[in-house]
N, C-alpha and C. Protein backbone atom coordinates (compact mmCIF):
# COMPACT_ATOMS: atom_id res chain seq x y z
N MET A 1 -47.89 28.73 199.01
CA MET A 1 -48.50 29.27 197.79
C MET A 1 -49.28 30.55 198.11
N ARG A 2 -50.03 30.54 199.30
CA ARG A 2 -50.79 31.73 199.66
C ARG A 2 -49.86 32.91 199.92
N ASN A 3 -48.73 32.62 200.58
CA ASN A 3 -47.76 33.69 200.84
C ASN A 3 -47.23 34.29 199.54
N LEU A 4 -46.97 33.43 198.57
CA LEU A 4 -46.45 33.89 197.27
C LEU A 4 -47.47 34.77 196.57
N LEU A 5 -48.74 34.37 196.60
CA LEU A 5 -49.78 35.17 195.98
C LEU A 5 -49.92 36.51 196.66
N PHE A 6 -49.80 36.51 198.00
CA PHE A 6 -49.91 37.77 198.75
C PHE A 6 -48.80 38.72 198.36
N ILE A 7 -47.58 38.18 198.21
CA ILE A 7 -46.43 39.02 197.84
C ILE A 7 -46.63 39.61 196.45
N LEU A 8 -47.10 38.81 195.51
CA LEU A 8 -47.32 39.29 194.15
C LEU A 8 -48.36 40.40 194.11
N VAL A 9 -49.45 40.22 194.87
CA VAL A 9 -50.50 41.23 194.91
C VAL A 9 -49.97 42.52 195.51
N ALA A 10 -49.16 42.39 196.58
CA ALA A 10 -48.60 43.57 197.23
C ALA A 10 -47.68 44.32 196.29
N LEU A 11 -46.84 43.59 195.54
CA LEU A 11 -45.93 44.22 194.59
C LEU A 11 -46.69 44.95 193.50
N LEU A 12 -47.77 44.32 193.02
CA LEU A 12 -48.57 44.94 191.97
C LEU A 12 -49.22 46.23 192.47
N ALA A 13 -49.72 46.21 193.70
CA ALA A 13 -50.35 47.40 194.26
C ALA A 13 -49.33 48.50 194.46
N PHE A 14 -48.13 48.11 194.91
CA PHE A 14 -47.07 49.11 195.14
C PHE A 14 -46.64 49.77 193.84
N SER A 15 -46.55 48.97 192.76
CA SER A 15 -46.09 49.52 191.48
C SER A 15 -47.09 50.48 190.88
N SER A 16 -48.37 50.40 191.28
CA SER A 16 -49.39 51.28 190.72
C SER A 16 -49.51 52.59 191.49
N CYS A 17 -48.72 52.73 192.54
CA CYS A 17 -48.80 53.93 193.36
C CYS A 17 -47.67 54.88 193.04
N GLY A 18 -47.93 56.15 193.21
CA GLY A 18 -46.91 57.17 193.01
C GLY A 18 -46.08 57.32 194.25
N PRO A 19 -45.19 58.31 194.31
CA PRO A 19 -44.30 58.51 195.44
C PRO A 19 -45.05 58.87 196.72
N ASN A 20 -46.29 59.39 196.65
CA ASN A 20 -47.05 59.77 197.84
C ASN A 20 -48.04 58.69 198.26
N GLY A 21 -47.92 57.55 197.61
CA GLY A 21 -48.81 56.46 197.95
C GLY A 21 -50.11 56.47 197.21
N HIS A 22 -50.33 57.47 196.37
CA HIS A 22 -51.56 57.55 195.59
C HIS A 22 -51.41 56.77 194.30
N ASN A 23 -52.54 56.39 193.74
CA ASN A 23 -52.51 55.67 192.46
C ASN A 23 -51.89 56.55 191.40
N SER A 24 -51.02 55.96 190.58
CA SER A 24 -50.34 56.72 189.52
C SER A 24 -50.72 56.16 188.17
N ASN A 25 -50.97 57.04 187.22
CA ASN A 25 -51.28 56.64 185.85
C ASN A 25 -50.06 56.69 184.96
N LEU A 26 -48.88 56.83 185.57
CA LEU A 26 -47.66 57.02 184.79
C LEU A 26 -47.43 55.87 183.83
N GLY A 27 -47.60 54.62 184.32
CA GLY A 27 -47.37 53.48 183.45
C GLY A 27 -48.35 53.45 182.30
N THR A 28 -49.63 53.72 182.64
CA THR A 28 -50.65 53.74 181.59
C THR A 28 -50.39 54.84 180.59
N GLU A 29 -49.98 56.01 181.11
CA GLU A 29 -49.70 57.15 180.23
C GLU A 29 -48.56 56.83 179.28
N ARG A 30 -47.52 56.16 179.80
CA ARG A 30 -46.39 55.81 178.94
C ARG A 30 -46.82 54.85 177.84
N ILE A 31 -47.65 53.87 178.21
CA ILE A 31 -48.12 52.90 177.23
C ILE A 31 -48.96 53.58 176.16
N ASP A 32 -49.89 54.48 176.63
CA ASP A 32 -50.73 55.21 175.68
C ASP A 32 -49.89 56.08 174.76
N SER A 33 -48.84 56.69 175.34
CA SER A 33 -47.98 57.56 174.54
C SER A 33 -47.26 56.77 173.47
N LEU A 34 -46.75 55.59 173.84
CA LEU A 34 -46.05 54.74 172.86
C LEU A 34 -47.00 54.26 171.78
N ALA A 35 -48.22 53.90 172.19
CA ALA A 35 -49.20 53.43 171.20
C ALA A 35 -49.53 54.53 170.21
N ALA A 36 -49.72 55.75 170.73
CA ALA A 36 -50.04 56.86 169.84
C ALA A 36 -48.90 57.15 168.90
N GLU A 37 -47.66 57.02 169.41
CA GLU A 37 -46.49 57.28 168.58
C GLU A 37 -46.39 56.28 167.45
N ARG A 38 -46.76 55.02 167.75
CA ARG A 38 -46.70 53.99 166.72
C ARG A 38 -47.79 54.20 165.67
N GLU A 39 -48.96 54.65 166.12
CA GLU A 39 -50.09 54.79 165.20
C GLU A 39 -49.96 56.00 164.29
N SER A 40 -49.41 57.10 164.82
CA SER A 40 -49.34 58.32 164.02
C SER A 40 -48.12 58.30 163.14
N PRO A 41 -48.21 58.74 161.87
CA PRO A 41 -47.06 58.75 160.97
C PRO A 41 -46.01 59.71 161.45
N HIS A 42 -44.76 59.38 161.21
CA HIS A 42 -43.64 60.23 161.60
C HIS A 42 -43.74 61.56 160.86
N ALA A 43 -43.47 62.63 161.61
CA ALA A 43 -43.67 63.96 161.03
C ALA A 43 -42.85 64.19 159.78
N SER A 44 -41.62 63.64 159.77
CA SER A 44 -40.74 63.90 158.64
C SER A 44 -40.66 62.72 157.68
N GLY A 45 -41.32 61.61 158.03
CA GLY A 45 -41.24 60.42 157.19
C GLY A 45 -42.37 60.38 156.19
N PRO A 46 -42.25 59.51 155.19
CA PRO A 46 -43.28 59.41 154.16
C PRO A 46 -44.55 58.77 154.69
N ASP A 47 -45.67 59.23 154.22
CA ASP A 47 -46.96 58.65 154.58
C ASP A 47 -47.22 57.48 153.64
N THR A 48 -46.60 56.34 153.98
CA THR A 48 -46.67 55.18 153.09
C THR A 48 -48.09 54.64 152.97
N ALA A 49 -48.87 54.79 154.03
CA ALA A 49 -50.24 54.28 154.00
C ALA A 49 -51.07 55.00 152.95
N ALA A 50 -50.74 56.25 152.68
CA ALA A 50 -51.52 57.05 151.73
C ALA A 50 -50.95 57.02 150.31
N PHE A 51 -49.87 56.25 150.11
CA PHE A 51 -49.24 56.28 148.79
C PHE A 51 -50.17 55.75 147.71
N THR A 52 -50.86 54.64 147.97
CA THR A 52 -51.73 54.07 146.93
C THR A 52 -52.84 55.05 146.55
N GLN A 53 -53.36 55.77 147.54
CA GLN A 53 -54.39 56.77 147.24
C GLN A 53 -53.82 57.88 146.36
N ALA A 54 -52.61 58.31 146.70
CA ALA A 54 -51.97 59.37 145.91
C ALA A 54 -51.71 58.90 144.48
N PHE A 55 -51.22 57.66 144.34
CA PHE A 55 -50.93 57.17 142.99
C PHE A 55 -52.22 56.99 142.19
N ASN A 56 -53.27 56.55 142.84
CA ASN A 56 -54.55 56.40 142.13
C ASN A 56 -55.04 57.75 141.60
N ARG A 57 -54.81 58.81 142.38
CA ARG A 57 -55.17 60.15 141.89
C ARG A 57 -54.27 60.54 140.72
N PHE A 58 -52.99 60.19 140.82
CA PHE A 58 -52.05 60.45 139.73
C PHE A 58 -52.50 59.73 138.46
N PHE A 59 -52.86 58.46 138.60
CA PHE A 59 -53.24 57.67 137.44
C PHE A 59 -54.55 58.16 136.84
N SER A 60 -55.50 58.55 137.68
CA SER A 60 -56.77 59.08 137.19
C SER A 60 -56.56 60.37 136.41
N ALA A 61 -55.70 61.24 136.94
CA ALA A 61 -55.41 62.50 136.24
C ALA A 61 -54.70 62.23 134.93
N LEU A 62 -53.83 61.22 134.93
CA LEU A 62 -53.12 60.84 133.70
C LEU A 62 -54.10 60.35 132.65
N GLN A 63 -55.02 59.49 133.05
CA GLN A 63 -56.01 58.96 132.12
C GLN A 63 -56.94 60.05 131.58
N ALA A 64 -57.21 61.04 132.42
CA ALA A 64 -58.10 62.13 132.01
C ALA A 64 -57.36 63.20 131.22
N GLY A 65 -56.04 63.08 131.14
CA GLY A 65 -55.25 64.10 130.46
C GLY A 65 -55.26 65.43 131.20
N ASP A 66 -55.44 65.35 132.51
CA ASP A 66 -55.56 66.56 133.34
C ASP A 66 -54.17 67.02 133.78
N THR A 67 -53.51 67.76 132.92
CA THR A 67 -52.15 68.22 133.23
C THR A 67 -52.14 69.18 134.42
N ALA A 68 -53.20 69.93 134.61
CA ALA A 68 -53.26 70.87 135.73
C ALA A 68 -53.24 70.13 137.06
N ALA A 69 -54.01 69.05 137.16
CA ALA A 69 -54.04 68.26 138.39
C ALA A 69 -52.70 67.57 138.63
N LEU A 70 -52.11 67.03 137.57
CA LEU A 70 -50.79 66.40 137.69
C LEU A 70 -49.76 67.41 138.17
N GLU A 71 -49.83 68.59 137.61
CA GLU A 71 -48.89 69.66 137.93
C GLU A 71 -49.02 70.09 139.38
N GLU A 72 -50.25 70.31 139.79
CA GLU A 72 -50.50 70.88 141.11
C GLU A 72 -50.11 69.95 142.23
N GLU A 73 -50.41 68.66 142.08
CA GLU A 73 -50.21 67.73 143.19
C GLU A 73 -48.90 66.95 143.12
N PHE A 74 -48.37 66.69 141.93
CA PHE A 74 -47.29 65.72 141.82
C PHE A 74 -45.97 66.25 141.27
N VAL A 75 -45.89 67.54 141.00
CA VAL A 75 -44.65 68.09 140.45
C VAL A 75 -44.17 69.24 141.33
N ASP A 76 -42.90 69.18 141.71
CA ASP A 76 -42.28 70.27 142.46
C ASP A 76 -42.02 71.42 141.50
N ALA A 77 -42.60 72.56 141.79
CA ALA A 77 -42.48 73.71 140.89
C ALA A 77 -41.04 74.17 140.73
N GLY A 78 -40.20 73.91 141.74
CA GLY A 78 -38.81 74.35 141.67
C GLY A 78 -37.90 73.37 140.97
N LYS A 79 -38.11 72.07 141.23
CA LYS A 79 -37.19 71.05 140.69
C LYS A 79 -37.76 70.29 139.50
N GLY A 80 -39.06 70.32 139.31
CA GLY A 80 -39.65 69.63 138.18
C GLY A 80 -39.50 68.12 138.27
N LEU A 81 -39.42 67.47 137.12
CA LEU A 81 -39.25 66.02 137.06
C LEU A 81 -38.28 65.67 135.93
N TRP A 82 -37.75 64.47 136.01
CA TRP A 82 -36.83 63.97 134.97
C TRP A 82 -37.50 62.84 134.21
N LEU A 83 -37.35 62.90 132.89
CA LEU A 83 -37.84 61.84 132.01
C LEU A 83 -36.63 61.02 131.57
N ILE A 84 -36.71 59.70 131.72
CA ILE A 84 -35.63 58.81 131.29
C ILE A 84 -36.16 57.98 130.13
N GLU A 85 -35.50 58.07 129.00
CA GLU A 85 -35.89 57.29 127.82
C GLU A 85 -34.63 56.67 127.21
N GLN A 86 -34.82 55.85 126.20
CA GLN A 86 -33.68 55.22 125.54
C GLN A 86 -33.94 55.17 124.04
N PRO A 87 -33.69 56.28 123.35
CA PRO A 87 -33.93 56.32 121.91
C PRO A 87 -32.93 55.50 121.11
N GLY A 88 -31.81 55.15 121.73
CA GLY A 88 -30.77 54.36 121.06
C GLY A 88 -30.17 53.38 122.04
N ALA A 89 -28.85 53.23 121.95
CA ALA A 89 -28.18 52.28 122.83
C ALA A 89 -27.99 52.82 124.24
N LEU A 90 -28.03 54.15 124.40
CA LEU A 90 -27.76 54.77 125.69
C LEU A 90 -29.00 55.49 126.22
N PRO A 91 -29.11 55.59 127.54
CA PRO A 91 -30.26 56.29 128.11
C PRO A 91 -30.17 57.79 127.89
N ALA A 92 -31.31 58.44 127.84
CA ALA A 92 -31.38 59.89 127.69
C ALA A 92 -32.18 60.46 128.86
N TYR A 93 -31.60 61.44 129.52
CA TYR A 93 -32.26 62.11 130.65
C TYR A 93 -32.66 63.52 130.23
N HIS A 94 -33.89 63.90 130.52
CA HIS A 94 -34.34 65.26 130.23
C HIS A 94 -35.13 65.78 131.42
N GLN A 95 -34.79 66.98 131.84
CA GLN A 95 -35.49 67.60 132.95
C GLN A 95 -36.54 68.58 132.43
N PHE A 96 -37.73 68.51 133.05
CA PHE A 96 -38.82 69.41 132.69
C PHE A 96 -39.35 70.06 133.96
N ARG A 97 -39.53 71.36 133.90
CA ARG A 97 -40.05 72.09 135.06
C ARG A 97 -41.56 71.92 135.20
N SER A 98 -42.19 71.51 134.13
CA SER A 98 -43.65 71.42 134.12
C SER A 98 -44.09 70.21 133.31
N ILE A 99 -45.18 69.59 133.72
CA ILE A 99 -45.76 68.48 132.97
C ILE A 99 -46.12 68.93 131.56
N LYS A 100 -46.59 70.16 131.45
CA LYS A 100 -47.02 70.69 130.15
C LYS A 100 -45.84 70.85 129.18
N GLU A 101 -44.62 70.94 129.72
CA GLU A 101 -43.45 71.12 128.87
C GLU A 101 -42.90 69.81 128.32
N VAL A 102 -43.34 68.69 128.88
CA VAL A 102 -42.76 67.39 128.52
C VAL A 102 -42.98 67.08 127.05
N GLN A 103 -41.89 66.70 126.39
CA GLN A 103 -41.94 66.19 125.02
C GLN A 103 -41.12 64.90 124.98
N ARG A 104 -41.80 63.81 124.72
CA ARG A 104 -41.12 62.53 124.68
C ARG A 104 -40.27 62.42 123.42
N GLU A 105 -39.28 61.55 123.49
CA GLU A 105 -38.35 61.40 122.37
C GLU A 105 -39.08 61.01 121.09
N TYR A 106 -40.04 60.10 121.22
CA TYR A 106 -40.75 59.61 120.04
C TYR A 106 -41.85 60.58 119.66
N GLN A 107 -41.69 61.26 118.57
CA GLN A 107 -42.69 62.17 118.00
C GLN A 107 -43.05 63.33 118.93
N GLN A 108 -42.18 63.61 119.88
CA GLN A 108 -42.39 64.73 120.81
C GLN A 108 -43.78 64.70 121.45
N ARG A 109 -44.22 63.52 121.78
CA ARG A 109 -45.54 63.37 122.38
C ARG A 109 -45.57 63.93 123.80
N PRO A 110 -46.74 64.39 124.27
CA PRO A 110 -46.85 64.93 125.63
C PRO A 110 -46.79 63.84 126.69
N PHE A 111 -46.62 64.24 127.92
CA PHE A 111 -46.54 63.29 129.02
C PHE A 111 -47.81 62.46 129.12
N THR A 112 -48.95 63.09 128.91
CA THR A 112 -50.22 62.38 129.07
C THR A 112 -50.46 61.31 128.00
N SER A 113 -49.60 61.26 126.97
CA SER A 113 -49.73 60.20 125.97
C SER A 113 -49.43 58.83 126.57
N ILE A 114 -48.82 58.82 127.74
CA ILE A 114 -48.56 57.56 128.44
C ILE A 114 -49.86 56.80 128.68
N SER A 115 -50.95 57.53 128.85
CA SER A 115 -52.24 56.90 129.15
C SER A 115 -52.70 55.98 128.02
N GLN A 116 -52.24 56.23 126.80
CA GLN A 116 -52.62 55.38 125.67
C GLN A 116 -51.99 54.00 125.78
N GLU A 117 -50.87 53.92 126.50
CA GLU A 117 -50.16 52.65 126.66
C GLU A 117 -50.50 51.97 127.99
N MET A 118 -50.91 52.76 128.97
CA MET A 118 -51.27 52.24 130.29
C MET A 118 -52.76 52.42 130.50
N GLN A 119 -53.52 51.41 130.18
CA GLN A 119 -54.97 51.50 130.31
C GLN A 119 -55.44 51.16 131.72
N GLU A 120 -54.64 50.41 132.44
CA GLU A 120 -55.05 49.95 133.76
C GLU A 120 -53.83 49.80 134.65
N CYS A 121 -54.01 50.10 135.93
CA CYS A 121 -52.90 49.94 136.88
C CYS A 121 -53.49 49.70 138.27
N LEU A 122 -53.75 48.45 138.58
CA LEU A 122 -54.27 48.07 139.89
C LEU A 122 -53.09 47.71 140.78
N LEU A 123 -52.76 48.61 141.69
CA LEU A 123 -51.53 48.49 142.46
C LEU A 123 -51.51 47.27 143.39
N GLN A 124 -50.36 46.60 143.39
CA GLN A 124 -50.09 45.52 144.33
C GLN A 124 -48.70 45.77 144.92
N ARG A 125 -48.60 45.62 146.23
CA ARG A 125 -47.30 45.89 146.87
C ARG A 125 -46.38 44.67 146.79
N ARG A 126 -45.12 44.92 146.54
CA ARG A 126 -44.09 43.89 146.53
C ARG A 126 -42.84 44.42 147.21
N GLU A 127 -42.13 43.55 147.89
CA GLU A 127 -40.84 43.95 148.46
C GLU A 127 -39.80 44.07 147.35
N ALA A 128 -39.92 43.20 146.36
CA ALA A 128 -39.03 43.25 145.19
C ALA A 128 -39.88 43.04 143.95
N PHE A 129 -39.50 43.69 142.86
CA PHE A 129 -40.26 43.55 141.62
C PHE A 129 -39.99 42.20 140.97
N PRO A 130 -40.91 41.73 140.12
CA PRO A 130 -40.71 40.46 139.42
C PRO A 130 -39.43 40.48 138.58
N ALA A 131 -38.81 39.33 138.48
CA ALA A 131 -37.59 39.21 137.67
C ALA A 131 -37.93 39.41 136.19
N PHE A 132 -36.94 39.89 135.45
CA PHE A 132 -37.16 40.16 134.03
C PHE A 132 -36.12 39.41 133.20
N ASP A 133 -36.58 38.89 132.04
CA ASP A 133 -35.68 38.16 131.14
C ASP A 133 -36.08 38.47 129.70
N CYS A 134 -35.13 39.01 128.93
CA CYS A 134 -35.41 39.34 127.53
C CYS A 134 -35.87 38.11 126.74
N ALA A 135 -35.30 36.96 127.08
CA ALA A 135 -35.61 35.73 126.35
C ALA A 135 -37.06 35.29 126.58
N ALA A 136 -37.69 35.84 127.61
CA ALA A 136 -39.07 35.44 127.93
C ALA A 136 -40.10 36.36 127.28
N MET A 137 -39.67 37.19 126.32
CA MET A 137 -40.59 38.14 125.68
C MET A 137 -41.23 37.59 124.42
N ASP A 138 -40.99 36.34 124.10
CA ASP A 138 -41.58 35.75 122.90
C ASP A 138 -43.10 35.67 123.00
N GLY A 139 -43.76 35.80 121.86
CA GLY A 139 -45.21 35.64 121.81
C GLY A 139 -45.99 36.74 122.49
N GLY A 140 -45.41 37.92 122.56
CA GLY A 140 -46.12 39.04 123.17
C GLY A 140 -46.02 39.11 124.68
N ALA A 141 -45.24 38.21 125.29
CA ALA A 141 -45.08 38.23 126.75
C ALA A 141 -44.24 39.44 127.16
N THR A 142 -44.44 39.89 128.38
CA THR A 142 -43.73 41.09 128.86
C THR A 142 -42.28 40.81 129.23
N GLY A 143 -41.96 39.55 129.51
CA GLY A 143 -40.62 39.22 129.95
C GLY A 143 -40.47 39.19 131.46
N PHE A 144 -41.50 39.64 132.16
CA PHE A 144 -41.46 39.61 133.62
C PHE A 144 -42.03 38.28 134.13
N SER A 145 -41.53 37.85 135.27
CA SER A 145 -41.99 36.59 135.85
C SER A 145 -43.42 36.69 136.39
N GLU A 146 -43.89 37.91 136.59
CA GLU A 146 -45.27 38.15 137.03
C GLU A 146 -45.74 39.45 136.41
N ASP A 147 -46.95 39.46 135.92
CA ASP A 147 -47.48 40.66 135.28
C ASP A 147 -48.42 41.42 136.21
N GLY A 148 -48.45 42.72 136.03
CA GLY A 148 -49.34 43.55 136.83
C GLY A 148 -48.77 44.94 137.02
N CYS A 149 -49.30 45.61 138.00
CA CYS A 149 -48.85 46.97 138.35
C CYS A 149 -48.43 46.92 139.81
N PHE A 150 -47.15 47.05 140.06
CA PHE A 150 -46.60 46.82 141.39
C PHE A 150 -45.93 48.08 141.94
N TYR A 151 -45.92 48.15 143.27
CA TYR A 151 -45.17 49.26 143.89
C TYR A 151 -44.34 48.72 145.05
N THR A 152 -43.27 49.43 145.35
CA THR A 152 -42.39 49.04 146.44
C THR A 152 -41.80 50.28 147.09
N PHE A 153 -41.48 50.14 148.37
CA PHE A 153 -40.75 51.19 149.08
C PHE A 153 -39.28 50.83 149.20
N ASN A 154 -38.91 49.71 148.62
CA ASN A 154 -37.51 49.29 148.60
C ASN A 154 -36.85 49.90 147.36
N THR A 155 -36.32 51.09 147.49
CA THR A 155 -35.82 51.86 146.34
C THR A 155 -34.29 51.96 146.32
N ALA A 156 -33.62 51.13 147.10
CA ALA A 156 -32.16 51.23 147.21
C ALA A 156 -31.46 51.04 145.87
N ASP A 157 -31.96 50.13 145.04
CA ASP A 157 -31.31 49.88 143.74
C ASP A 157 -31.33 51.12 142.86
N PHE A 158 -32.45 51.80 142.82
CA PHE A 158 -32.52 53.01 141.99
C PHE A 158 -31.69 54.13 142.60
N GLN A 159 -31.66 54.20 143.91
CA GLN A 159 -30.86 55.23 144.56
C GLN A 159 -29.38 55.06 144.24
N ARG A 160 -28.96 53.80 144.04
CA ARG A 160 -27.53 53.53 143.79
C ARG A 160 -27.18 53.47 142.31
N THR A 161 -28.16 53.49 141.43
CA THR A 161 -27.85 53.29 140.01
C THR A 161 -26.92 54.38 139.48
N ASP A 162 -26.01 53.98 138.60
CA ASP A 162 -25.12 54.95 137.96
C ASP A 162 -25.42 55.05 136.47
N MET A 163 -26.65 54.71 136.12
CA MET A 163 -27.08 54.76 134.72
C MET A 163 -26.88 56.15 134.12
N TRP A 164 -26.98 57.17 134.96
CA TRP A 164 -26.84 58.55 134.50
C TRP A 164 -25.47 58.81 133.87
N LYS A 165 -24.47 57.99 134.22
CA LYS A 165 -23.12 58.17 133.68
C LYS A 165 -23.10 58.02 132.16
N TYR A 166 -24.03 57.26 131.62
CA TYR A 166 -24.03 56.96 130.19
C TYR A 166 -24.91 57.93 129.40
N ALA A 167 -25.49 58.88 130.09
CA ALA A 167 -26.30 59.91 129.42
C ALA A 167 -25.45 61.16 129.22
N SER A 168 -25.85 61.98 128.31
CA SER A 168 -25.11 63.22 128.02
C SER A 168 -25.57 64.32 128.98
N LEU A 169 -25.04 64.26 130.20
CA LEU A 169 -25.40 65.23 131.22
C LEU A 169 -24.21 66.12 131.57
N SER A 170 -24.50 67.35 131.88
CA SER A 170 -23.45 68.24 132.38
C SER A 170 -23.13 67.84 133.82
N GLU A 171 -22.04 68.35 134.37
CA GLU A 171 -21.68 68.03 135.75
C GLU A 171 -22.78 68.46 136.71
N GLN A 172 -23.34 69.61 136.47
CA GLN A 172 -24.42 70.11 137.32
C GLN A 172 -25.65 69.21 137.23
N GLU A 173 -26.00 68.80 136.03
CA GLU A 173 -27.16 67.92 135.86
C GLU A 173 -26.92 66.57 136.51
N ALA A 174 -25.70 66.05 136.38
CA ALA A 174 -25.36 64.76 136.99
C ALA A 174 -25.51 64.84 138.51
N ARG A 175 -25.07 65.94 139.10
CA ARG A 175 -25.21 66.12 140.55
C ARG A 175 -26.69 66.19 140.94
N GLN A 176 -27.47 66.90 140.15
CA GLN A 176 -28.90 67.01 140.44
C GLN A 176 -29.58 65.65 140.39
N VAL A 177 -29.23 64.85 139.39
CA VAL A 177 -29.82 63.52 139.25
C VAL A 177 -29.46 62.65 140.44
N GLN A 178 -28.18 62.67 140.83
CA GLN A 178 -27.74 61.85 141.95
C GLN A 178 -28.42 62.27 143.26
N GLU A 179 -28.54 63.57 143.47
CA GLU A 179 -29.20 64.06 144.68
C GLU A 179 -30.67 63.67 144.69
N LEU A 180 -31.31 63.76 143.54
CA LEU A 180 -32.73 63.45 143.46
C LEU A 180 -32.98 61.95 143.61
N GLN A 181 -32.05 61.14 143.12
CA GLN A 181 -32.19 59.69 143.27
C GLN A 181 -32.29 59.31 144.75
N GLN A 182 -31.53 60.00 145.59
CA GLN A 182 -31.53 59.68 147.02
C GLN A 182 -32.87 60.00 147.68
N GLN A 183 -33.68 60.81 147.02
CA GLN A 183 -34.96 61.22 147.58
C GLN A 183 -36.11 60.31 147.15
N VAL A 184 -35.83 59.34 146.28
CA VAL A 184 -36.88 58.42 145.82
C VAL A 184 -37.23 57.46 146.95
N GLN A 185 -38.52 57.40 147.29
CA GLN A 185 -38.97 56.57 148.40
C GLN A 185 -40.03 55.55 147.99
N ALA A 186 -40.52 55.63 146.77
CA ALA A 186 -41.51 54.66 146.28
C ALA A 186 -41.40 54.57 144.76
N THR A 187 -41.53 53.36 144.25
CA THR A 187 -41.46 53.14 142.80
C THR A 187 -42.63 52.27 142.36
N VAL A 188 -43.21 52.63 141.23
CA VAL A 188 -44.30 51.85 140.63
C VAL A 188 -43.80 51.26 139.32
N LEU A 189 -44.02 49.97 139.12
CA LEU A 189 -43.67 49.28 137.87
C LEU A 189 -44.94 48.81 137.19
N HIS A 190 -45.08 49.17 135.92
CA HIS A 190 -46.19 48.68 135.09
C HIS A 190 -45.58 47.71 134.09
N THR A 191 -45.79 46.40 134.29
CA THR A 191 -45.08 45.41 133.48
C THR A 191 -45.52 45.42 132.03
N GLY A 192 -46.75 45.84 131.75
CA GLY A 192 -47.22 45.87 130.37
C GLY A 192 -46.41 46.78 129.48
N THR A 193 -45.87 47.85 130.06
CA THR A 193 -45.04 48.80 129.30
C THR A 193 -43.59 48.80 129.75
N SER A 194 -43.33 48.22 130.93
CA SER A 194 -42.03 48.27 131.60
C SER A 194 -41.72 49.65 132.18
N TYR A 195 -42.69 50.55 132.15
CA TYR A 195 -42.47 51.90 132.67
C TYR A 195 -42.39 51.87 134.20
N ARG A 196 -41.53 52.75 134.72
CA ARG A 196 -41.37 52.88 136.17
C ARG A 196 -41.51 54.35 136.56
N PHE A 197 -42.22 54.57 137.64
CA PHE A 197 -42.45 55.93 138.14
C PHE A 197 -41.88 56.02 139.55
N HIS A 198 -40.94 56.92 139.73
CA HIS A 198 -40.23 57.05 141.00
C HIS A 198 -40.72 58.30 141.73
N PHE A 199 -41.19 58.08 142.95
CA PHE A 199 -41.78 59.17 143.74
C PHE A 199 -40.96 59.45 144.99
N GLY A 200 -40.99 60.70 145.41
CA GLY A 200 -40.41 61.11 146.67
C GLY A 200 -41.46 61.82 147.51
N TYR A 201 -41.28 61.80 148.82
CA TYR A 201 -42.25 62.41 149.72
C TYR A 201 -41.68 63.70 150.28
N ARG A 202 -42.39 64.79 150.08
CA ARG A 202 -41.88 66.09 150.51
C ARG A 202 -43.04 66.99 150.94
N ASN A 203 -42.93 67.52 152.16
CA ASN A 203 -43.94 68.45 152.67
C ASN A 203 -45.36 67.90 152.55
N GLY A 204 -45.51 66.63 152.90
CA GLY A 204 -46.83 66.02 152.90
C GLY A 204 -47.37 65.63 151.54
N ARG A 205 -46.52 65.66 150.51
CA ARG A 205 -46.96 65.32 149.15
C ARG A 205 -46.05 64.26 148.55
N TRP A 206 -46.65 63.36 147.78
CA TRP A 206 -45.89 62.41 146.98
C TRP A 206 -45.64 63.06 145.63
N LEU A 207 -44.37 63.29 145.32
CA LEU A 207 -44.00 63.98 144.09
C LEU A 207 -43.35 63.03 143.09
N LEU A 208 -43.67 63.19 141.83
CA LEU A 208 -43.03 62.40 140.77
C LEU A 208 -41.67 63.01 140.49
N LEU A 209 -40.61 62.24 140.76
CA LEU A 209 -39.25 62.74 140.55
C LEU A 209 -38.66 62.26 139.23
N PHE A 210 -38.91 60.98 138.90
CA PHE A 210 -38.42 60.39 137.65
C PHE A 210 -39.53 59.56 137.02
N ALA A 211 -39.67 59.68 135.72
CA ALA A 211 -40.53 58.79 134.94
C ALA A 211 -39.61 58.05 133.98
N ASP A 212 -39.41 56.76 134.23
CA ASP A 212 -38.50 55.95 133.42
C ASP A 212 -39.33 55.22 132.36
N LEU A 213 -39.25 55.72 131.14
CA LEU A 213 -40.07 55.18 130.04
C LEU A 213 -39.25 54.31 129.09
N ARG A 214 -38.15 53.77 129.58
CA ARG A 214 -37.34 52.89 128.73
C ARG A 214 -38.04 51.54 128.54
N VAL A 215 -37.85 50.99 127.36
CA VAL A 215 -38.38 49.66 127.06
C VAL A 215 -37.20 48.71 126.97
N PRO A 216 -37.09 47.73 127.85
CA PRO A 216 -35.93 46.84 127.86
C PRO A 216 -35.82 46.01 126.58
N CYS A 217 -34.60 45.69 126.23
CA CYS A 217 -34.28 44.84 125.08
C CYS A 217 -34.65 45.48 123.74
N SER A 218 -34.89 46.79 123.74
CA SER A 218 -35.31 47.44 122.50
C SER A 218 -34.15 48.11 121.77
N ALA A 219 -33.02 48.28 122.44
CA ALA A 219 -31.88 48.99 121.81
C ALA A 219 -31.19 48.10 120.80
């Protein structure tokens, strides 16, 4: 047993030495480097840890009717945002370069009118959103299996949706919508209204790419 312990100690001492027999910090440096890499956000990836803070700023600006703040932080000046509504049986897509330009289908209301319907949004993270059933909307219920304001980074379903096919879009607009769908990295669902807000991360900012204001079972 003593011989075995001696061998283990000798191996440990040898592994801590460099090629010249001096103590080497190479192993420690590698461990520290890996730890730092895990802790720091990926340069090109979304800052998921900061998403809730960004959305809270978005929601506060929405409640305050601060279109300038919404514009400056959450809208790409070049690509704008898309509004998805359903005034009839089919969805309607409209692109706006500016929050101030938004006119909703119903009474041409501004974007900030959403605040009248969304009084509160305390974010909770979910891997998947609550299930929805039209038959469960009786008595003022939302139809969702769980009520609240939820967000997810699992956006594959929206990225794959072909709902745009049923809207009156030009070929160029359809391509733009499909390309933008692939950039959605976070979605917020407000069950009280059924509204969904789809965000993408670009150049250190969470940008609103789509605002889906459709109300299910209303067509």
